[in-house]
Structure formats: C-alpha cells, structure tokens
Amino acid sequence: MTAPRATQATGNIYDLGYRGYDGPRLGRVTVGLGLLRQSLREAYGIGRGGRAKIAPFVLLAFAVFPAILAVGFRALAAQTGAGEQFEQEVPIRHDTYQSVTSLFVWLFVAAQAPELFGRDQRYGVLPLYFSRVLTRVDYALARTGGVFIAILIVTVVPQLLLTIGGILAASDPVAGLGKELPEIPRYLAVCVLESGVFSGVAAVVAAYTPRRAYAVAAIIALFIVPPIVVGIITTLSVPDVARVLLLASPSDVIDGVNGAIYGPLTLGGETFVLATLPGWVYIVTALGFVVASLAIVIRRYLTITV
C-alpha cells in the first residue's frame, strides 16, 4: 500500500513594503478645513457622477441668467444712447436681484443640503468621522459652512456680473467704477446674510431628517409657507400678528434685510413694503437665525447616537 502524497502549498507571500507614517500630524484645523472643502465640492456634485451635477449647476445657471440678460441689454442701451433711461426702468438691478432669484436659491439649498447631512447618517459613516481627530462640533461647522459657501456663490456671482457689466457698459469706465463701488458692500451684506439664514435653516432640517425626500419637502415648505400665512393674516387686517409671524419667516426676513440696506423696492411703479418695522430689526433677526441654527445643528451632533 502506497503512502499518500504530500499536498503542495499554493500560497504566496508578497513583501508590499508597508510602513508606518512618519510625517506631520496636521490636527483638527486641517481636517476640518478638508471636510469643509469636500462639503463644497459635494454641494456642486464635483467628484461624483454626472447626475449629481445637474441640479446644482442648472440652478446656478438659472440664478446667473437674469444678470447676463441685464448686462447684455445694458450694453445695447448704452450703444443707442439710452443707457440712463434703461438703468431707471430695468427690473434687474443690485437692489432687486435678491427678490428676482430667491426661488432658485431656495431650490438650490433644498436640493443640496440633504445631500451633505443626510447621506452620512443614512450610510452610517458618522462613526468613521468621529473616530478620528475631528470632533462633532467640527463636523457640524464644516458641513454647515459648506452649504453656506455654496449658496454664497449662487448669490454673489450674478451680482459680480452686474458690477462688471455696469463698468464695461459705462461711457467712462472710471466713472462706471465709481458708480459701482458703493454697491459692492451693500450686495455683499445681503448675500452673506441670505446665505447664512438659508444655509442655517436648511442645515437644521437636514441634520434632523436623514430621509432626502422629507428633508427637501420640509426645507421648501419653510421658505414658501410662512410668507403665504403672513399674507393671509395681513389681508385679514391683523397687522400686529403679521409683524410677529413675519420675523419667523426666513424668506421675509431676508426681504426685510434687502429693504433695510437698499430701501423699499420699486418694480414697475409698485413699492413693496413688508411691514412697518425698523430695518435693523430684520438684520438682527437674520443674525439670530444664523446663531440659533448653528447652535441647534451643533447640539444635534453632540447628542446623536452613532
């Protein structure tokens, strides 16, 4: 009887050269800024598939398109000698642009904020973030900051186009620059407060609502429903109640901020006045929205179970 043959080993050992990391440890600030940068990229679908880029870039294009039209018509009017009359009658100006494109800003933040906050909760990757040097507060600030910068781009780029167009369309570029310079701090203030309020409100909803469809619907409702309620109460001749509710409406507060900085808006001969409240009330309320939203988002991630 023959002895069984020994089975030959089939495994291989490879020296892959793994070694420890000896470089610098960059710490929380660098990691937090990295997450902020990544959040901004994700808000525009950069680094993801083509479908993820459709909504943010289409909405950005819609927000910029009125500015491109205004610049083009302004250049044509300047060539025909009707530049001053065009500037007085055109409905697309620095002071009116916030109200003209507010719908696109709402849709942008409603579409993109749930992507930044909800996906991490749905796919259970929060423990990976929190197991490193990044703290829960850092995470909340970085994600909210990413939404804020993304909205700020949507609101500021059209205003910059109006500024550049106004300078180039002027018969004297130096005089055009002198006319446009005072507008820059005004629209920057409006854009920063608008981006801060909208990103804060959207971040609160998205942080507490991981389901994307629910978060999108809730964010849009918070921007659309309160102004309707305020309008109904105003129609019913209850102005005192309307003033209080108006300060709880993010979109109305931003309209009030715009009015406080630029004055009551006049479009087509009609003056839009929200309520008989001092302008500083809207600005303080907007700042309150920003601070309160950040506090709620931070508390959410300090208490969330992962």
Protein backbone atom coordinates (compact mmCIF):
# COMPACT_ATOMS: atom_id res chain seq x y z
CA MET A 1 0.00 0.00 0.00
CA THR A 2 1.48 3.35 -1.08
CA ALA A 3 1.70 6.31 1.26
CA PRO A 4 -0.46 9.42 0.38
CA ARG A 5 1.39 12.12 -1.46
CA ALA A 6 2.01 15.35 0.45
CA THR A 7 -0.12 18.28 -0.66
CA GLN A 8 1.97 21.13 -2.05
CA ALA A 9 1.42 24.60 -0.57
CA THR A 10 -0.22 27.05 -3.01
CA GLY A 11 0.04 30.26 -1.02
CA ASN A 12 2.46 33.10 -1.78
CA ILE A 13 3.95 35.74 0.45
CA TYR A 14 4.45 39.21 -1.02
CA ASP A 15 6.53 41.97 0.51
CA LEU A 16 4.40 45.03 -0.19
CA GLY A 17 6.65 47.36 1.74
CA TYR A 18 4.07 48.65 4.22
CA ARG A 19 5.49 51.03 6.77
CA GLY A 20 4.23 53.50 9.32
CA TYR A 21 3.52 57.16 8.65
CA ASP A 22 6.32 59.40 9.88
CA GLY A 23 5.03 62.73 8.51
CA PRO A 24 3.48 65.64 10.40
CA ARG A 25 0.16 65.28 12.18
CA LEU A 26 -1.86 68.23 10.86
CA GLY A 27 -4.57 68.19 13.53
CA ARG A 28 -8.20 69.29 13.80
CA VAL A 29 -7.98 72.54 11.86
CA THR A 30 -6.59 70.91 8.74
CA VAL A 31 -9.05 68.03 8.93
CA GLY A 32 -11.96 70.41 9.47
CA LEU A 33 -10.92 72.59 6.52
CA GLY A 34 -10.58 69.46 4.43
CA LEU A 35 -14.14 68.44 5.28
CA LEU A 36 -15.31 71.99 4.52
CA ARG A 37 -13.67 71.84 1.11
CA GLN A 38 -15.12 68.40 0.47
CA SER A 39 -18.58 69.63 1.51
CA LEU A 40 -18.38 72.46 -1.01
CA ARG A 41 -17.35 70.02 -3.73
CA GLU A 42 -20.21 67.68 -2.84
CA ALA A 43 -22.69 70.58 -2.92
CA TYR A 44 -21.88 71.03 -6.61
CA GLY A 45 -21.53 67.31 -7.34
CA ILE A 46 -17.79 67.60 -8.04
CA GLY A 47 -16.08 64.23 -7.68
CA ARG A 48 -19.39 62.41 -8.10
CA GLY A 49 -21.37 61.17 -11.09
CA GLY A 50 -22.83 63.36 -13.79
CA ARG A 51 -26.36 63.20 -12.37
CA ALA A 52 -25.17 64.78 -9.11
CA LYS A 53 -24.00 67.86 -11.04
CA ILE A 54 -27.26 68.52 -12.87
CA ALA A 55 -29.32 70.17 -10.12
CA PRO A 56 -26.66 72.49 -8.63
CA PHE A 57 -25.26 73.73 -11.94
CA VAL A 58 -28.66 74.13 -13.60
CA LEU A 59 -29.93 76.16 -10.64
CA LEU A 60 -26.71 78.21 -10.65
CA ALA A 61 -27.24 78.90 -14.35
CA PHE A 62 -30.84 79.99 -13.71
CA ALA A 63 -29.65 82.34 -10.97
CA VAL A 64 -26.99 83.86 -13.22
CA PHE A 65 -29.09 84.09 -16.40
CA PRO A 66 -31.04 87.28 -15.44
CA ALA A 67 -27.74 89.04 -14.76
CA ILE A 68 -26.41 88.03 -18.17
CA LEU A 69 -29.59 89.35 -19.80
CA ALA A 70 -29.36 92.62 -17.89
CA VAL A 71 -25.72 93.12 -18.84
CA GLY A 72 -26.45 92.39 -22.50
CA PHE A 73 -29.42 94.76 -22.70
CA ARG A 74 -27.48 97.38 -20.78
CA ALA A 75 -24.67 97.22 -23.32
CA LEU A 76 -27.15 97.57 -26.19
CA ALA A 77 -28.85 100.51 -24.49
CA ALA A 78 -25.50 102.21 -23.96
CA GLN A 79 -24.72 101.90 -27.66
CA THR A 80 -28.04 103.50 -28.61
CA GLY A 81 -27.61 106.32 -26.09
CA ALA A 82 -30.47 105.16 -23.85
CA GLY A 83 -28.29 103.85 -21.05
CA GLU A 84 -29.59 106.15 -18.29
CA GLN A 85 -33.25 105.52 -19.12
CA PHE A 86 -32.59 101.77 -19.20
CA GLU A 87 -30.98 101.83 -15.75
CA GLN A 88 -34.01 103.58 -14.29
CA GLU A 89 -36.58 101.18 -15.73
CA VAL A 90 -34.79 97.82 -15.80
CA PRO A 91 -36.21 95.44 -13.16
CA ILE A 92 -32.89 93.59 -12.74
CA ARG A 93 -30.60 95.65 -10.54
CA HIS A 94 -28.41 95.14 -7.49
CA ASP A 95 -31.25 96.07 -5.14
CA THR A 96 -33.86 93.85 -6.83
CA TYR A 97 -31.75 90.80 -7.68
CA GLN A 98 -32.36 89.06 -4.36
CA SER A 99 -36.12 89.03 -4.93
CA VAL A 100 -35.78 88.11 -8.61
CA THR A 101 -33.72 84.96 -7.99
CA SER A 102 -34.79 83.92 -4.48
CA LEU A 103 -36.73 80.92 -5.81
CA PHE A 104 -33.61 79.44 -7.40
CA VAL A 105 -31.68 79.91 -4.16
CA TRP A 106 -34.42 78.09 -2.22
CA LEU A 107 -34.39 75.19 -4.65
CA PHE A 108 -30.59 75.01 -4.57
CA VAL A 109 -30.34 74.79 -0.80
CA ALA A 110 -33.31 72.41 -0.58
CA ALA A 111 -31.69 70.08 -3.11
CA GLN A 112 -28.12 70.14 -1.81
CA ALA A 113 -28.28 70.45 1.99
CA PRO A 114 -29.84 66.96 2.43
CA GLU A 115 -27.00 65.56 0.31
CA LEU A 116 -24.38 66.82 2.76
CA PHE A 117 -26.10 65.91 6.01
CA GLY A 118 -28.46 63.06 5.23
CA ARG A 119 -26.14 60.75 3.30
CA ASP A 120 -23.68 60.42 6.18
CA GLN A 121 -26.49 59.36 8.51
CA ARG A 122 -28.17 57.02 6.04
CA TYR A 123 -24.98 55.18 5.16
CA GLY A 124 -23.64 55.07 8.74
CA VAL A 125 -20.31 56.81 8.11
CA LEU A 126 -20.51 59.21 11.05
CA PRO A 127 -18.55 56.82 13.32
CA LEU A 128 -15.68 57.00 10.83
CA TYR A 129 -15.58 60.78 11.10
CA PHE A 130 -15.85 60.85 14.88
CA SER A 131 -13.27 58.11 15.44
CA ARG A 132 -10.51 60.47 14.31
CA VAL A 133 -9.31 63.86 15.47
CA LEU A 134 -12.42 65.54 14.01
CA THR A 135 -14.92 66.42 16.75
CA ARG A 136 -18.68 66.54 16.45
CA VAL A 137 -18.63 70.34 16.62
CA ASP A 138 -16.03 70.45 13.83
CA TYR A 139 -18.22 68.22 11.70
CA ALA A 140 -21.33 70.37 12.21
CA LEU A 141 -19.47 73.59 11.43
CA ALA A 142 -17.76 72.14 8.36
CA ARG A 143 -20.95 70.75 6.84
CA THR A 144 -22.93 73.92 7.54
CA GLY A 145 -20.05 76.03 6.24
CA GLY A 146 -20.03 74.03 3.02
CA VAL A 147 -23.72 74.76 2.44
CA PHE A 148 -23.14 78.44 3.29
CA ILE A 149 -20.30 78.89 0.79
CA ALA A 150 -22.22 77.02 -1.91
CA ILE A 151 -25.20 79.37 -1.53
CA LEU A 152 -22.92 82.40 -1.31
CA ILE A 153 -21.51 81.51 -4.74
CA VAL A 154 -25.02 81.33 -6.18
CA THR A 155 -25.93 84.76 -4.78
CA VAL A 156 -22.68 86.67 -5.30
CA VAL A 157 -21.70 85.59 -8.83
CA PRO A 158 -24.70 87.28 -10.52
CA GLN A 159 -24.07 90.48 -8.56
CA LEU A 160 -20.44 90.48 -9.66
CA LEU A 161 -21.59 90.09 -13.27
CA LEU A 162 -23.85 93.12 -12.84
CA THR A 163 -20.91 95.08 -11.42
CA ILE A 164 -18.56 94.13 -14.26
CA GLY A 165 -21.27 94.81 -16.83
CA GLY A 166 -22.01 98.21 -15.35
CA ILE A 167 -18.36 99.20 -15.50
CA LEU A 168 -17.86 97.99 -19.07
CA ALA A 169 -21.13 99.48 -20.35
CA ALA A 170 -20.38 102.94 -18.98
CA SER A 171 -19.14 105.54 -21.45
CA ASP A 172 -16.36 106.32 -18.97
CA PRO A 173 -15.12 103.14 -17.23
CA VAL A 174 -13.65 105.18 -14.37
CA ALA A 175 -16.99 106.84 -13.74
CA GLY A 176 -18.68 103.45 -14.04
CA LEU A 177 -16.31 102.01 -11.44
CA GLY A 178 -17.05 104.92 -9.12
CA LYS A 179 -20.77 104.27 -9.51
CA GLU A 180 -20.49 100.52 -8.89
CA LEU A 181 -18.10 100.56 -5.93
CA PRO A 182 -20.69 101.76 -3.36
CA GLU A 183 -22.96 98.87 -4.39
CA ILE A 184 -20.41 96.16 -3.61
CA PRO A 185 -20.56 96.27 0.22
CA ARG A 186 -24.35 96.51 0.04
CA TYR A 187 -24.96 93.41 -2.02
CA LEU A 188 -22.21 91.53 -0.21
CA ALA A 189 -24.01 92.20 3.08
CA VAL A 190 -27.32 91.00 1.63
CA CYS A 191 -25.72 87.90 0.09
CA VAL A 192 -23.87 86.94 3.28
CA LEU A 193 -26.97 87.26 5.46
CA GLU A 194 -29.14 85.50 2.89
CA SER A 195 -26.68 82.63 2.61
CA GLY A 196 -26.29 82.42 6.38
CA VAL A 197 -30.03 82.28 7.09
CA PHE A 198 -30.89 79.84 4.31
CA SER A 199 -27.94 77.53 4.98
CA GLY A 200 -28.68 77.52 8.71
CA VAL A 201 -32.36 76.71 8.30
CA ALA A 202 -31.62 74.00 5.72
CA ALA A 203 -28.86 72.51 7.89
CA VAL A 204 -31.22 72.18 10.85
CA VAL A 205 -33.82 70.35 8.78
CA ALA A 206 -31.29 68.13 7.00
CA ALA A 207 -29.49 67.24 10.23
CA TYR A 208 -32.73 66.04 11.84
CA THR A 209 -34.25 64.47 8.71
CA PRO A 210 -31.93 61.86 7.14
CA ARG A 211 -34.53 60.91 4.52
CA ARG A 212 -33.78 63.04 1.46
CA ALA A 213 -37.35 63.41 0.17
CA TYR A 214 -38.67 64.50 3.57
CA ALA A 215 -35.83 66.98 4.05
CA VAL A 216 -36.32 68.58 0.61
CA ALA A 217 -40.06 68.96 1.17
CA ALA A 218 -39.60 70.40 4.67
CA ILE A 219 -36.98 72.95 3.57
CA ILE A 220 -39.10 74.19 0.66
CA ALA A 221 -42.13 74.42 2.95
CA LEU A 222 -40.21 76.56 5.45
CA PHE A 223 -39.38 79.04 2.69
CA ILE A 224 -42.75 79.11 0.93
CA VAL A 225 -45.49 78.53 3.53
CA PRO A 226 -44.68 81.28 6.11
CA PRO A 227 -44.93 84.16 3.57
CA ILE A 228 -48.33 82.82 2.47
CA VAL A 229 -49.52 82.71 6.08
CA VAL A 230 -48.24 86.24 6.70
CA GLY A 231 -50.03 87.47 3.56
CA ILE A 232 -53.31 85.89 4.63
CA ILE A 233 -53.12 87.39 8.12
CA THR A 234 -52.25 90.79 6.66
CA THR A 235 -55.27 90.55 4.38
CA LEU A 236 -57.42 89.80 7.41
CA SER A 237 -56.26 93.13 8.90
CA VAL A 238 -54.33 91.71 11.81
CA PRO A 239 -51.07 93.67 11.34
CA ASP A 240 -49.64 93.11 14.82
CA VAL A 241 -49.80 89.34 14.46
CA ALA A 242 -48.44 89.59 10.91
CA ARG A 243 -45.37 91.51 12.10
CA VAL A 244 -44.54 88.85 14.66
CA LEU A 245 -45.02 85.98 12.23
CA LEU A 246 -43.06 87.80 9.55
CA LEU A 247 -39.97 87.67 11.75
CA ALA A 248 -40.36 83.86 11.89
CA SER A 249 -40.32 83.60 8.09
CA PRO A 250 -36.76 83.22 6.74
CA SER A 251 -37.60 84.46 3.25
CA ASP A 252 -39.49 87.51 4.56
CA VAL A 253 -36.64 88.33 6.92
CA ILE A 254 -34.19 88.36 4.01
CA ASP A 255 -36.56 90.58 2.01
CA GLY A 256 -36.58 92.88 5.02
CA VAL A 257 -32.77 92.84 5.17
CA ASN A 258 -32.65 93.77 1.49
CA GLY A 259 -35.11 96.58 2.12
CA ALA A 260 -33.14 97.78 5.15
CA ILE A 261 -29.94 98.03 3.11
CA TYR A 262 -31.35 99.34 -0.18
CA GLY A 263 -34.65 100.90 0.85
CA PRO A 264 -38.15 99.84 -0.28
CA LEU A 265 -38.04 98.15 -3.66
CA THR A 266 -39.87 99.70 -6.59
CA LEU A 267 -40.70 97.47 -9.53
CA GLY A 268 -43.00 98.67 -12.28
CA GLY A 269 -44.14 101.62 -10.17
CA GLU A 270 -45.23 99.43 -7.24
CA THR A 271 -43.48 99.75 -3.89
CA PHE A 272 -43.07 96.58 -1.86
CA VAL A 273 -43.15 97.22 1.90
CA LEU A 274 -43.29 94.22 4.21
CA ALA A 275 -44.29 95.85 7.49
CA THR A 276 -43.76 99.00 9.49
CA LEU A 277 -40.69 97.66 11.27
CA PRO A 278 -37.28 99.36 11.52
CA GLY A 279 -34.68 97.98 9.16
CA TRP A 280 -32.32 96.98 11.95
CA VAL A 281 -34.95 94.56 13.26
CA TYR A 282 -34.62 92.44 10.13
CA ILE A 283 -30.83 92.48 10.28
CA VAL A 284 -30.79 91.47 13.95
CA THR A 285 -33.38 88.77 13.28
CA ALA A 286 -31.28 87.40 10.41
CA LEU A 287 -28.24 87.22 12.68
CA GLY A 288 -30.41 85.49 15.27
CA PHE A 289 -31.43 82.90 12.69
CA VAL A 290 -27.76 82.20 11.92
CA VAL A 291 -26.70 81.85 15.55
CA ALA A 292 -29.72 79.77 16.56
CA SER A 293 -29.36 77.46 13.56
CA LEU A 294 -25.71 76.80 14.29
CA ALA A 295 -26.49 76.10 17.94
CA ILE A 296 -29.25 73.62 17.01
CA VAL A 297 -27.07 71.79 14.45
CA ILE A 298 -24.18 71.54 16.90
CA ARG A 299 -26.47 70.24 19.63
CA ARG A 300 -27.87 67.68 17.21
CA TYR A 301 -24.43 66.19 16.53
CA LEU A 302 -23.37 66.38 20.15
CA THR A 303 -26.33 64.20 21.12
CA ILE A 304 -26.69 61.98 18.06
CA THR A 305 -26.06 58.27 18.60
CA VAL A 306 -23.62 56.71 16.17
